[in-house]
N, C-alpha and C. Protein backbone atom coordinates (compact mmCIF):
# COMPACT_ATOMS: atom_id res chain seq x y z
N MET A 1 -13.90 50.99 -60.94
CA MET A 1 -14.00 49.66 -61.52
C MET A 1 -13.09 49.53 -62.74
N ALA A 2 -13.14 50.53 -63.65
CA ALA A 2 -12.30 50.50 -64.84
C ALA A 2 -10.82 50.60 -64.47
N GLU A 3 -10.51 51.39 -63.44
CA GLU A 3 -9.13 51.53 -62.99
C GLU A 3 -8.59 50.19 -62.50
N ASN A 4 -9.40 49.45 -61.74
CA ASN A 4 -9.00 48.15 -61.24
C ASN A 4 -8.74 47.19 -62.39
N MET A 5 -9.59 47.23 -63.41
CA MET A 5 -9.40 46.35 -64.56
C MET A 5 -8.11 46.71 -65.29
N GLY A 6 -7.84 48.01 -65.42
CA GLY A 6 -6.59 48.46 -66.04
C GLY A 6 -5.38 47.98 -65.26
N ASN A 7 -5.46 48.08 -63.94
CA ASN A 7 -4.36 47.60 -63.09
C ASN A 7 -4.14 46.10 -63.27
N GLN A 8 -5.23 45.35 -63.38
CA GLN A 8 -5.11 43.91 -63.57
C GLN A 8 -4.44 43.58 -64.90
N LEU A 9 -4.82 44.31 -65.95
CA LEU A 9 -4.23 44.06 -67.27
C LEU A 9 -2.75 44.41 -67.28
N VAL A 10 -2.40 45.53 -66.68
CA VAL A 10 -0.99 45.92 -66.59
C VAL A 10 -0.22 44.88 -65.77
N GLY A 11 -0.83 44.42 -64.70
CA GLY A 11 -0.21 43.39 -63.87
C GLY A 11 0.05 42.11 -64.64
N LYS A 12 -0.88 41.73 -65.51
CA LYS A 12 -0.69 40.52 -66.33
C LYS A 12 0.49 40.66 -67.27
N VAL A 13 0.63 41.84 -67.88
CA VAL A 13 1.77 42.06 -68.77
C VAL A 13 3.08 42.00 -67.99
N PHE A 14 3.13 42.66 -66.82
CA PHE A 14 4.36 42.62 -66.02
C PHE A 14 4.65 41.21 -65.52
N LYS A 15 3.63 40.44 -65.23
CA LYS A 15 3.84 39.06 -64.80
C LYS A 15 4.50 38.26 -65.92
N VAL A 16 4.02 38.45 -67.14
CA VAL A 16 4.62 37.77 -68.29
C VAL A 16 6.06 38.23 -68.49
N LEU A 17 6.31 39.51 -68.27
CA LEU A 17 7.66 40.05 -68.44
C LEU A 17 8.60 39.66 -67.31
N SER A 18 8.09 39.03 -66.27
CA SER A 18 8.94 38.65 -65.14
C SER A 18 9.84 37.45 -65.45
N SER A 19 9.65 36.84 -66.59
CA SER A 19 10.45 35.68 -66.97
C SER A 19 11.65 36.09 -67.83
N PRO A 20 12.87 35.78 -67.39
CA PRO A 20 14.05 36.08 -68.21
C PRO A 20 13.98 35.43 -69.59
N THR A 21 13.40 34.24 -69.67
CA THR A 21 13.27 33.55 -70.96
C THR A 21 12.36 34.33 -71.90
N ARG A 22 11.29 34.89 -71.38
CA ARG A 22 10.38 35.66 -72.23
C ARG A 22 11.02 36.97 -72.68
N ILE A 23 11.81 37.58 -71.81
CA ILE A 23 12.55 38.78 -72.22
C ILE A 23 13.52 38.41 -73.34
N HIS A 24 14.17 37.26 -73.19
CA HIS A 24 15.10 36.78 -74.22
C HIS A 24 14.37 36.58 -75.55
N ILE A 25 13.20 35.98 -75.51
CA ILE A 25 12.41 35.78 -76.73
C ILE A 25 12.09 37.12 -77.38
N LEU A 26 11.65 38.09 -76.59
CA LEU A 26 11.34 39.40 -77.15
C LEU A 26 12.58 40.01 -77.82
N ARG A 27 13.72 39.87 -77.17
CA ARG A 27 14.95 40.43 -77.75
C ARG A 27 15.34 39.71 -79.03
N LEU A 28 15.09 38.40 -79.09
CA LEU A 28 15.35 37.66 -80.33
C LEU A 28 14.48 38.18 -81.47
N LEU A 29 13.24 38.52 -81.14
CA LEU A 29 12.29 38.97 -82.15
C LEU A 29 12.45 40.45 -82.51
N LYS A 30 13.26 41.16 -81.75
CA LYS A 30 13.44 42.59 -81.99
C LYS A 30 13.96 42.87 -83.40
N ASP A 31 14.83 42.01 -83.90
CA ASP A 31 15.43 42.21 -85.22
C ASP A 31 14.54 41.73 -86.36
N GLY A 32 13.42 41.11 -86.02
CA GLY A 32 12.50 40.67 -87.06
C GLY A 32 11.88 39.33 -86.73
N PRO A 33 10.88 38.94 -87.52
CA PRO A 33 10.17 37.68 -87.29
C PRO A 33 11.10 36.47 -87.34
N LEU A 34 10.77 35.47 -86.53
CA LEU A 34 11.55 34.23 -86.50
C LEU A 34 10.62 33.03 -86.45
N CYS A 35 11.07 31.97 -87.09
CA CYS A 35 10.39 30.68 -87.00
C CYS A 35 10.58 30.14 -85.58
N VAL A 36 9.60 29.44 -85.09
CA VAL A 36 9.69 28.87 -83.75
C VAL A 36 10.93 27.98 -83.63
N CYS A 37 11.31 27.32 -84.71
CA CYS A 37 12.49 26.45 -84.68
C CYS A 37 13.76 27.25 -84.37
N LYS A 38 13.87 28.47 -84.89
CA LYS A 38 15.04 29.32 -84.61
C LYS A 38 15.03 29.84 -83.17
N ILE A 39 13.83 30.08 -82.65
CA ILE A 39 13.71 30.54 -81.26
C ILE A 39 14.15 29.42 -80.32
N ILE A 40 13.68 28.23 -80.59
CA ILE A 40 14.05 27.06 -79.77
C ILE A 40 15.57 26.88 -79.79
N GLU A 41 16.14 26.97 -80.98
CA GLU A 41 17.59 26.81 -81.15
C GLU A 41 18.35 27.87 -80.36
N ALA A 42 17.92 29.12 -80.44
CA ALA A 42 18.60 30.22 -79.74
C ALA A 42 18.49 30.09 -78.23
N LEU A 43 17.34 29.61 -77.75
CA LEU A 43 17.14 29.47 -76.31
C LEU A 43 17.81 28.23 -75.74
N GLY A 44 17.93 27.20 -76.56
CA GLY A 44 18.47 25.93 -76.09
C GLY A 44 17.53 25.21 -75.14
N THR A 45 16.23 25.43 -75.33
CA THR A 45 15.22 24.78 -74.49
C THR A 45 14.39 23.82 -75.32
N GLU A 46 13.58 23.05 -74.63
CA GLU A 46 12.71 22.11 -75.32
C GLU A 46 11.55 22.83 -75.98
N GLN A 47 11.00 22.20 -77.00
CA GLN A 47 9.91 22.80 -77.77
C GLN A 47 8.69 23.09 -76.91
N SER A 48 8.34 22.17 -76.01
CA SER A 48 7.15 22.38 -75.17
C SER A 48 7.33 23.58 -74.24
N ASN A 49 8.53 23.73 -73.69
CA ASN A 49 8.81 24.85 -72.80
C ASN A 49 8.76 26.17 -73.56
N THR A 50 9.38 26.19 -74.72
CA THR A 50 9.39 27.39 -75.55
C THR A 50 7.97 27.76 -75.97
N SER A 51 7.18 26.77 -76.34
CA SER A 51 5.80 27.01 -76.75
C SER A 51 4.98 27.64 -75.63
N GLN A 52 5.22 27.22 -74.40
CA GLN A 52 4.51 27.81 -73.26
C GLN A 52 4.87 29.29 -73.11
N HIS A 53 6.14 29.60 -73.26
CA HIS A 53 6.57 31.00 -73.16
C HIS A 53 5.98 31.84 -74.29
N LEU A 54 6.01 31.31 -75.50
CA LEU A 54 5.44 32.01 -76.65
C LEU A 54 3.95 32.23 -76.46
N SER A 55 3.27 31.24 -75.93
CA SER A 55 1.84 31.34 -75.68
C SER A 55 1.53 32.45 -74.67
N SER A 56 2.34 32.52 -73.61
CA SER A 56 2.15 33.57 -72.59
C SER A 56 2.32 34.96 -73.20
N LEU A 57 3.35 35.13 -74.02
CA LEU A 57 3.60 36.42 -74.67
C LEU A 57 2.48 36.77 -75.64
N LYS A 58 2.00 35.76 -76.32
CA LYS A 58 0.91 35.99 -77.29
C LYS A 58 -0.41 36.30 -76.58
N ASN A 59 -0.66 35.64 -75.46
CA ASN A 59 -1.92 35.85 -74.73
C ASN A 59 -2.08 37.27 -74.20
N VAL A 60 -0.97 37.93 -73.89
CA VAL A 60 -1.06 39.33 -73.43
C VAL A 60 -0.87 40.31 -74.57
N GLY A 61 -0.74 39.81 -75.78
CA GLY A 61 -0.71 40.65 -76.96
C GLY A 61 0.64 41.27 -77.30
N LEU A 62 1.73 40.73 -76.77
CA LEU A 62 3.04 41.30 -77.07
C LEU A 62 3.63 40.77 -78.36
N ILE A 63 3.24 39.54 -78.74
CA ILE A 63 3.72 38.97 -80.00
C ILE A 63 2.53 38.43 -80.79
N GLN A 64 2.80 38.13 -82.05
CA GLN A 64 1.78 37.54 -82.91
C GLN A 64 2.44 36.42 -83.72
N SER A 65 1.63 35.59 -84.32
CA SER A 65 2.17 34.49 -85.11
C SER A 65 1.39 34.34 -86.41
N ARG A 66 2.08 33.72 -87.36
CA ARG A 66 1.43 33.38 -88.63
C ARG A 66 2.06 32.08 -89.12
N LYS A 67 1.31 31.37 -89.92
CA LYS A 67 1.81 30.11 -90.47
C LYS A 67 2.35 30.35 -91.86
N GLU A 68 3.47 29.74 -92.14
CA GLU A 68 4.06 29.70 -93.48
C GLU A 68 4.32 28.24 -93.78
N GLY A 69 3.38 27.63 -94.44
CA GLY A 69 3.48 26.19 -94.68
C GLY A 69 3.38 25.46 -93.35
N LEU A 70 4.40 24.69 -93.03
CA LEU A 70 4.41 23.95 -91.76
C LEU A 70 5.06 24.76 -90.63
N LYS A 71 5.67 25.87 -90.97
CA LYS A 71 6.37 26.68 -89.97
C LYS A 71 5.44 27.71 -89.33
N VAL A 72 5.69 28.00 -88.05
CA VAL A 72 5.00 29.08 -87.35
C VAL A 72 6.04 30.18 -87.14
N ILE A 73 5.70 31.37 -87.62
CA ILE A 73 6.59 32.52 -87.54
C ILE A 73 6.05 33.49 -86.50
N TYR A 74 6.91 33.90 -85.57
CA TYR A 74 6.52 34.84 -84.51
C TYR A 74 7.15 36.20 -84.77
N SER A 75 6.43 37.24 -84.36
CA SER A 75 6.94 38.60 -84.49
C SER A 75 6.39 39.46 -83.36
N ILE A 76 7.06 40.58 -83.15
CA ILE A 76 6.63 41.55 -82.14
C ILE A 76 5.37 42.24 -82.64
N LYS A 77 4.40 42.37 -81.79
CA LYS A 77 3.16 43.05 -82.17
C LYS A 77 3.28 44.56 -81.93
N TYR A 78 3.87 44.93 -80.79
CA TYR A 78 4.04 46.34 -80.45
C TYR A 78 5.49 46.58 -80.04
N SER A 79 6.24 47.25 -80.91
CA SER A 79 7.66 47.48 -80.62
C SER A 79 7.86 48.39 -79.40
N GLU A 80 6.81 49.06 -78.97
CA GLU A 80 6.91 49.93 -77.78
C GLU A 80 7.30 49.15 -76.53
N ILE A 81 7.15 47.84 -76.55
CA ILE A 81 7.52 47.04 -75.39
C ILE A 81 9.00 47.23 -75.06
N PHE A 82 9.81 47.51 -76.08
CA PHE A 82 11.24 47.70 -75.84
C PHE A 82 11.53 48.99 -75.11
N GLU A 83 10.66 49.99 -75.25
CA GLU A 83 10.79 51.21 -74.46
C GLU A 83 10.61 50.88 -72.98
N THR A 84 9.65 50.02 -72.68
CA THR A 84 9.40 49.59 -71.30
C THR A 84 10.60 48.84 -70.75
N ILE A 85 11.13 47.92 -71.52
CA ILE A 85 12.30 47.15 -71.09
C ILE A 85 13.49 48.08 -70.86
N ASP A 86 13.68 49.04 -71.77
CA ASP A 86 14.79 50.00 -71.62
C ASP A 86 14.65 50.82 -70.34
N ILE A 87 13.42 51.24 -70.03
CA ILE A 87 13.19 52.03 -68.81
C ILE A 87 13.50 51.19 -67.57
N ILE A 88 13.06 49.94 -67.56
CA ILE A 88 13.34 49.06 -66.42
C ILE A 88 14.84 48.87 -66.26
N GLU A 89 15.55 48.68 -67.38
CA GLU A 89 17.00 48.53 -67.31
C GLU A 89 17.67 49.80 -66.77
N LYS A 90 17.16 50.96 -67.15
CA LYS A 90 17.69 52.23 -66.67
C LYS A 90 17.49 52.34 -65.16
N ILE A 91 16.32 51.94 -64.67
CA ILE A 91 16.04 51.97 -63.23
C ILE A 91 17.00 51.04 -62.49
N ILE A 92 17.22 49.85 -63.05
CA ILE A 92 18.13 48.89 -62.42
C ILE A 92 19.54 49.47 -62.37
N LEU A 93 19.97 50.12 -63.43
CA LEU A 93 21.30 50.74 -63.46
C LEU A 93 21.41 51.83 -62.40
N MET A 94 20.38 52.66 -62.25
CA MET A 94 20.39 53.71 -61.23
C MET A 94 20.44 53.10 -59.84
N GLN A 95 19.69 52.02 -59.61
CA GLN A 95 19.73 51.35 -58.31
C GLN A 95 21.11 50.79 -58.02
N THR A 96 21.74 50.22 -59.03
CA THR A 96 23.08 49.66 -58.87
C THR A 96 24.08 50.76 -58.52
N GLU A 97 23.97 51.89 -59.21
CA GLU A 97 24.86 53.02 -58.92
C GLU A 97 24.65 53.54 -57.50
N GLU A 98 23.40 53.61 -57.05
CA GLU A 98 23.11 54.06 -55.68
C GLU A 98 23.72 53.10 -54.67
N THR A 99 23.60 51.82 -54.93
CA THR A 99 24.16 50.80 -54.03
C THR A 99 25.67 50.94 -53.95
N GLN A 100 26.30 51.12 -55.11
CA GLN A 100 27.76 51.29 -55.14
C GLN A 100 28.19 52.51 -54.36
N LYS A 101 27.46 53.61 -54.49
CA LYS A 101 27.77 54.83 -53.73
C LYS A 101 27.64 54.59 -52.24
N SER A 102 26.59 53.86 -51.85
CA SER A 102 26.37 53.56 -50.43
C SER A 102 27.50 52.71 -49.88
N ILE A 103 27.96 51.77 -50.64
CA ILE A 103 29.05 50.90 -50.21
C ILE A 103 30.34 51.71 -50.04
N LYS A 104 30.59 52.61 -50.98
CA LYS A 104 31.80 53.44 -50.91
C LYS A 104 31.76 54.35 -49.68
N MET A 105 30.57 54.81 -49.29
CA MET A 105 30.44 55.67 -48.10
C MET A 105 30.77 54.91 -46.84
N VAL A 106 30.44 53.64 -46.81
CA VAL A 106 30.67 52.81 -45.63
C VAL A 106 32.15 52.46 -45.51
N ILE A 107 32.79 52.28 -46.61
CA ILE A 107 34.22 51.87 -46.63
C ILE A 107 35.10 52.99 -46.31
């Protein structure tokens, strides 16, 4: 029962990470906290769309927010998430290299 719950929680985090926009947000926040206005500007998306992405990231505990006057500032809650992203990128690179080798064998 506990294992199933753990799988569900991990699945929720991976589902949130399945969005390129959310990965972009995490990478923007890697260098430090940002006001939502700067995130919107960097993404070039509408405020409502950006807010939905930020909410998804916050709901699974990857980011946190605080208010500074009228501004909402977002930051990474657990920097370990970048280790996960790096591992996924490494796997993708290995898959790409395997595909290239397979293509060269056929040619």
